[in-house]
Amino acid sequence: MRQAVTLFAVCVFASGIASAQYKKSSPSATPMTVGGTPTPEQALAKVRRITEAETNRLFMNGSAVIVDVRSNAQYQLGHIRGAVNIPGSQLVTRIKELPPGKTIVTYCA
């Protein structure tokens, strides 16, 4: 489980993309790239990092979804129990598969 905490920190970029999909920008927000898509730096700056304990609490009370952003082959070798597999390369196109209103916690190895 300790490795999972490290994995959360490593994959904050992927969760930045996920959270950026749900947020609407305000007129006074930092300028975005053409088409309103945030740059990776902008998305990463908005990512909230959480502890293993907070992840467990959110997951156990049903208010979070854990997403393994590794390839399906890597996921099959082992993953956090209850985690959903959406490879990072597919995250943007499959974001609607995740339940709205829940905290999305991503991890990779």
Foldseek 3Di string as FASTA:
>chain_A
DVVFLVQLVVPLLLLLQLVQVVDDDDPPDDDADPPPRHDSVVSSVPGDRDGPVVVVVLVVVVQEAEEEQDDPVVVVVDDDPRHHYHHSVCCNVCSVVDDPRGHYGYGYD
